[in-house]
Amino acid sequence: MAKKSIVVRDDKRRQMIERYAAKRAELKQLGDYEGLAKLPRNSSRTRLKNRCFETHRPRGYMRQFGLSRISFREHASRGEIPGVTKSSW
């Protein structure tokens, strides 16, 4: 489990990205890079870190499922992820 402060910081960044998305797209289209530089740093989409939906673990993230490898394995072994089966040969 990630520290609460890091999880809260990441949520704050997500909200800021949503708030400034339209303005950022408009400035990019106009080519106003000085205006983009004046926007808050955390409003940039590249500042986001992909994290597991359940545990907020940043490493071993599987984009297709939104889970870390550990959470994915637990759910897959219980049969909670549709279309995923354990491989055996």
N, C-alpha and C. Protein backbone atom coordinates (compact mmCIF):
# COMPACT_ATOMS: atom_id res chain seq x y z
N MET A 1 0.84 -1.18 0.00
CA MET A 1 0.00 0.00 0.00
C MET A 1 0.89 1.25 0.00
N ALA A 2 0.58 2.17 -0.86
CA ALA A 2 1.34 3.41 -0.95
C ALA A 2 0.99 4.33 0.22
N LYS A 3 1.92 5.26 0.51
CA LYS A 3 1.66 6.22 1.57
C LYS A 3 0.48 7.11 1.20
N LYS A 4 -0.29 7.47 2.19
CA LYS A 4 -1.49 8.30 1.96
C LYS A 4 -1.14 9.63 1.32
N SER A 5 0.00 10.22 1.73
CA SER A 5 0.37 11.53 1.19
C SER A 5 0.63 11.45 -0.31
N ILE A 6 1.20 10.35 -0.76
CA ILE A 6 1.49 10.18 -2.19
C ILE A 6 0.21 9.97 -2.97
N VAL A 7 -0.72 9.20 -2.41
CA VAL A 7 -2.00 8.95 -3.06
C VAL A 7 -2.79 10.25 -3.19
N VAL A 8 -2.81 11.05 -2.13
CA VAL A 8 -3.52 12.32 -2.14
C VAL A 8 -2.89 13.27 -3.15
N ARG A 9 -1.55 13.29 -3.21
CA ARG A 9 -0.85 14.15 -4.15
C ARG A 9 -1.20 13.78 -5.59
N ASP A 10 -1.27 12.48 -5.86
CA ASP A 10 -1.61 12.01 -7.20
C ASP A 10 -3.05 12.38 -7.56
N ASP A 11 -3.97 12.26 -6.61
CA ASP A 11 -5.36 12.65 -6.86
C ASP A 11 -5.47 14.15 -7.14
N LYS A 12 -4.69 14.93 -6.42
CA LYS A 12 -4.68 16.38 -6.61
C LYS A 12 -4.18 16.72 -8.02
N ARG A 13 -3.17 16.00 -8.47
CA ARG A 13 -2.66 16.21 -9.83
C ARG A 13 -3.72 15.86 -10.87
N ARG A 14 -4.44 14.76 -10.65
CA ARG A 14 -5.49 14.36 -11.60
C ARG A 14 -6.56 15.44 -11.73
N GLN A 15 -6.95 16.02 -10.61
CA GLN A 15 -7.95 17.08 -10.63
C GLN A 15 -7.44 18.31 -11.36
N MET A 16 -6.17 18.65 -11.14
CA MET A 16 -5.59 19.82 -11.78
C MET A 16 -5.47 19.62 -13.29
N ILE A 17 -5.16 18.40 -13.70
CA ILE A 17 -5.06 18.09 -15.13
C ILE A 17 -6.42 18.27 -15.79
N GLU A 18 -7.48 17.80 -15.15
CA GLU A 18 -8.83 17.96 -15.70
C GLU A 18 -9.22 19.44 -15.77
N ARG A 19 -8.84 20.20 -14.76
CA ARG A 19 -9.21 21.61 -14.69
C ARG A 19 -8.56 22.43 -15.81
N TYR A 20 -7.30 22.14 -16.12
CA TYR A 20 -6.56 22.93 -17.09
C TYR A 20 -6.46 22.28 -18.48
N ALA A 21 -7.14 21.17 -18.71
CA ALA A 21 -7.02 20.45 -19.99
C ALA A 21 -7.43 21.31 -21.17
N ALA A 22 -8.56 21.98 -21.08
CA ALA A 22 -9.05 22.78 -22.21
C ALA A 22 -8.11 23.96 -22.50
N LYS A 23 -7.69 24.64 -21.45
CA LYS A 23 -6.80 25.79 -21.63
C LYS A 23 -5.45 25.35 -22.19
N ARG A 24 -4.96 24.24 -21.73
CA ARG A 24 -3.68 23.71 -22.20
C ARG A 24 -3.76 23.33 -23.68
N ALA A 25 -4.86 22.69 -24.08
CA ALA A 25 -5.03 22.31 -25.48
C ALA A 25 -5.13 23.54 -26.38
N GLU A 26 -5.82 24.56 -25.90
CA GLU A 26 -5.96 25.80 -26.67
C GLU A 26 -4.61 26.49 -26.86
N LEU A 27 -3.83 26.57 -25.79
CA LEU A 27 -2.51 27.21 -25.89
C LEU A 27 -1.57 26.42 -26.79
N LYS A 28 -1.67 25.09 -26.75
CA LYS A 28 -0.83 24.26 -27.63
C LYS A 28 -1.18 24.49 -29.09
N GLN A 29 -2.47 24.61 -29.37
CA GLN A 29 -2.92 24.80 -30.74
C GLN A 29 -2.45 26.16 -31.28
N LEU A 30 -2.46 27.17 -30.41
CA LEU A 30 -2.00 28.50 -30.82
C LEU A 30 -0.47 28.59 -30.90
N GLY A 31 0.21 27.65 -30.24
CA GLY A 31 1.67 27.67 -30.22
C GLY A 31 2.22 28.66 -29.21
N ASP A 32 1.45 28.98 -28.21
CA ASP A 32 1.85 29.93 -27.16
C ASP A 32 2.56 29.17 -26.05
N TYR A 33 3.86 28.97 -26.23
CA TYR A 33 4.64 28.20 -25.26
C TYR A 33 4.94 28.99 -23.99
N GLU A 34 4.95 30.31 -24.10
CA GLU A 34 5.14 31.13 -22.90
C GLU A 34 3.92 31.03 -22.00
N GLY A 35 2.75 31.00 -22.61
CA GLY A 35 1.51 30.84 -21.84
C GLY A 35 1.44 29.48 -21.18
N LEU A 36 1.93 28.46 -21.89
CA LEU A 36 1.96 27.11 -21.31
C LEU A 36 2.91 27.06 -20.11
N ALA A 37 4.01 27.76 -20.21
CA ALA A 37 5.00 27.77 -19.12
C ALA A 37 4.45 28.43 -17.87
N LYS A 38 3.48 29.33 -18.04
CA LYS A 38 2.91 30.03 -16.89
C LYS A 38 1.86 29.19 -16.15
N LEU A 39 1.36 28.15 -16.80
CA LEU A 39 0.41 27.26 -16.13
C LEU A 39 1.12 26.45 -15.05
N PRO A 40 0.39 25.94 -14.07
CA PRO A 40 1.02 25.13 -13.01
C PRO A 40 1.66 23.86 -13.59
N ARG A 41 2.77 23.47 -13.03
CA ARG A 41 3.47 22.28 -13.51
C ARG A 41 2.62 21.03 -13.40
N ASN A 42 1.89 20.92 -12.32
CA ASN A 42 1.08 19.72 -12.09
C ASN A 42 -0.14 19.63 -13.01
N SER A 43 -0.36 20.63 -13.85
CA SER A 43 -1.46 20.55 -14.80
C SER A 43 -1.05 19.82 -16.08
N SER A 44 0.22 19.47 -16.18
CA SER A 44 0.71 18.73 -17.33
C SER A 44 0.41 17.24 -17.17
N ARG A 45 -0.03 16.61 -18.24
CA ARG A 45 -0.41 15.20 -18.19
C ARG A 45 0.79 14.28 -17.94
N THR A 46 1.98 14.72 -18.27
CA THR A 46 3.16 13.87 -18.08
C THR A 46 3.56 13.75 -16.62
N ARG A 47 2.99 14.57 -15.76
CA ARG A 47 3.31 14.50 -14.33
C ARG A 47 2.59 13.36 -13.62
N LEU A 48 1.60 12.75 -14.32
CA LEU A 48 0.85 11.65 -13.72
C LEU A 48 1.67 10.38 -13.68
N LYS A 49 1.44 9.59 -12.67
CA LYS A 49 2.08 8.29 -12.53
C LYS A 49 0.98 7.24 -12.55
N ASN A 50 1.13 6.24 -13.41
CA ASN A 50 0.15 5.16 -13.44
C ASN A 50 0.25 4.36 -12.15
N ARG A 51 -0.87 4.18 -11.48
CA ARG A 51 -0.89 3.46 -10.21
C ARG A 51 -2.02 2.45 -10.21
N CYS A 52 -1.83 1.39 -9.42
CA CYS A 52 -2.84 0.36 -9.26
C CYS A 52 -4.10 0.98 -8.66
N PHE A 53 -5.24 0.57 -9.16
CA PHE A 53 -6.52 1.10 -8.71
C PHE A 53 -6.79 0.75 -7.25
N GLU A 54 -6.36 -0.44 -6.82
CA GLU A 54 -6.63 -0.90 -5.45
C GLU A 54 -5.57 -0.47 -4.45
N THR A 55 -4.32 -0.82 -4.75
CA THR A 55 -3.24 -0.63 -3.78
C THR A 55 -2.44 0.63 -4.01
N HIS A 56 -2.63 1.29 -5.15
CA HIS A 56 -1.89 2.49 -5.54
C HIS A 56 -0.41 2.21 -5.71
N ARG A 57 -0.07 0.98 -6.01
CA ARG A 57 1.32 0.60 -6.24
C ARG A 57 1.77 1.13 -7.60
N PRO A 58 2.93 1.84 -7.66
CA PRO A 58 3.36 2.42 -8.93
C PRO A 58 4.11 1.45 -9.84
N ARG A 59 4.68 0.42 -9.28
CA ARG A 59 5.48 -0.51 -10.09
C ARG A 59 4.68 -1.74 -10.47
N GLY A 60 5.02 -2.32 -11.60
CA GLY A 60 4.33 -3.52 -12.05
C GLY A 60 2.89 -3.24 -12.46
N TYR A 61 2.64 -2.06 -13.01
CA TYR A 61 1.30 -1.63 -13.38
C TYR A 61 0.94 -2.22 -14.74
N MET A 62 -0.24 -2.83 -14.83
CA MET A 62 -0.73 -3.38 -16.09
C MET A 62 -1.82 -2.44 -16.61
N ARG A 63 -1.49 -1.72 -17.67
CA ARG A 63 -2.37 -0.68 -18.18
C ARG A 63 -3.73 -1.21 -18.63
N GLN A 64 -3.73 -2.39 -19.22
CA GLN A 64 -4.97 -2.96 -19.75
C GLN A 64 -6.02 -3.19 -18.65
N PHE A 65 -5.55 -3.50 -17.45
CA PHE A 65 -6.46 -3.83 -16.36
C PHE A 65 -6.51 -2.76 -15.26
N GLY A 66 -5.53 -1.86 -15.24
CA GLY A 66 -5.49 -0.82 -14.22
C GLY A 66 -5.07 -1.34 -12.86
N LEU A 67 -4.40 -2.50 -12.85
CA LEU A 67 -3.98 -3.13 -11.61
C LEU A 67 -2.48 -3.40 -11.62
N SER A 68 -1.90 -3.55 -10.43
CA SER A 68 -0.51 -3.99 -10.36
C SER A 68 -0.46 -5.49 -10.59
N ARG A 69 0.71 -6.00 -10.83
CA ARG A 69 0.86 -7.43 -11.13
C ARG A 69 0.38 -8.30 -9.98
N ILE A 70 0.55 -7.83 -8.77
CA ILE A 70 0.16 -8.60 -7.59
C ILE A 70 -1.37 -8.67 -7.47
N SER A 71 -2.02 -7.50 -7.61
CA SER A 71 -3.49 -7.47 -7.54
C SER A 71 -4.09 -8.24 -8.71
N PHE A 72 -3.46 -8.10 -9.89
CA PHE A 72 -3.95 -8.82 -11.06
C PHE A 72 -3.92 -10.32 -10.84
N ARG A 73 -2.84 -10.81 -10.27
CA ARG A 73 -2.69 -12.25 -10.04
C ARG A 73 -3.74 -12.77 -9.06
N GLU A 74 -3.99 -12.00 -8.01
CA GLU A 74 -5.00 -12.40 -7.02
C GLU A 74 -6.40 -12.48 -7.65
N HIS A 75 -6.76 -11.45 -8.41
CA HIS A 75 -8.07 -11.43 -9.04
C HIS A 75 -8.20 -12.51 -10.11
N ALA A 76 -7.13 -12.72 -10.88
CA ALA A 76 -7.18 -13.71 -11.95
C ALA A 76 -7.30 -15.12 -11.38
N SER A 77 -6.62 -15.39 -10.29
CA SER A 77 -6.67 -16.73 -9.70
C SER A 77 -8.05 -17.02 -9.09
N ARG A 78 -8.75 -15.97 -8.66
CA ARG A 78 -10.11 -16.13 -8.14
C ARG A 78 -11.16 -16.13 -9.25
N GLY A 79 -10.72 -15.85 -10.49
CA GLY A 79 -11.63 -15.84 -11.63
C GLY A 79 -12.49 -14.60 -11.71
N GLU A 80 -12.02 -13.49 -11.17
CA GLU A 80 -12.79 -12.26 -11.13
C GLU A 80 -12.55 -11.36 -12.34
N ILE A 81 -11.58 -11.72 -13.19
CA ILE A 81 -11.31 -10.93 -14.39
C ILE A 81 -11.79 -11.73 -15.59
N PRO A 82 -12.80 -11.25 -16.30
CA PRO A 82 -13.36 -12.01 -17.41
C PRO A 82 -12.34 -12.19 -18.54
N GLY A 83 -12.30 -13.40 -19.08
CA GLY A 83 -11.44 -13.70 -20.22
C GLY A 83 -10.02 -14.07 -19.85
N VAL A 84 -9.69 -14.06 -18.58
CA VAL A 84 -8.33 -14.40 -18.14
C VAL A 84 -8.36 -15.76 -17.47
N THR A 85 -7.55 -16.68 -18.00
CA THR A 85 -7.46 -18.01 -17.41
C THR A 85 -6.01 -18.34 -17.12
N LYS A 86 -5.81 -19.23 -16.19
CA LYS A 86 -4.46 -19.65 -15.82
C LYS A 86 -3.94 -20.57 -16.92
N SER A 87 -2.73 -20.29 -17.34
CA SER A 87 -2.14 -21.09 -18.41
C SER A 87 -1.52 -22.36 -17.83
N SER A 88 -1.75 -23.47 -18.48
CA SER A 88 -1.12 -24.72 -18.06
C SER A 88 -0.91 -25.58 -19.30
N TRP A 89 0.22 -26.33 -19.31
CA TRP A 89 0.51 -27.21 -20.44
C TRP A 89 1.27 -28.41 -20.00
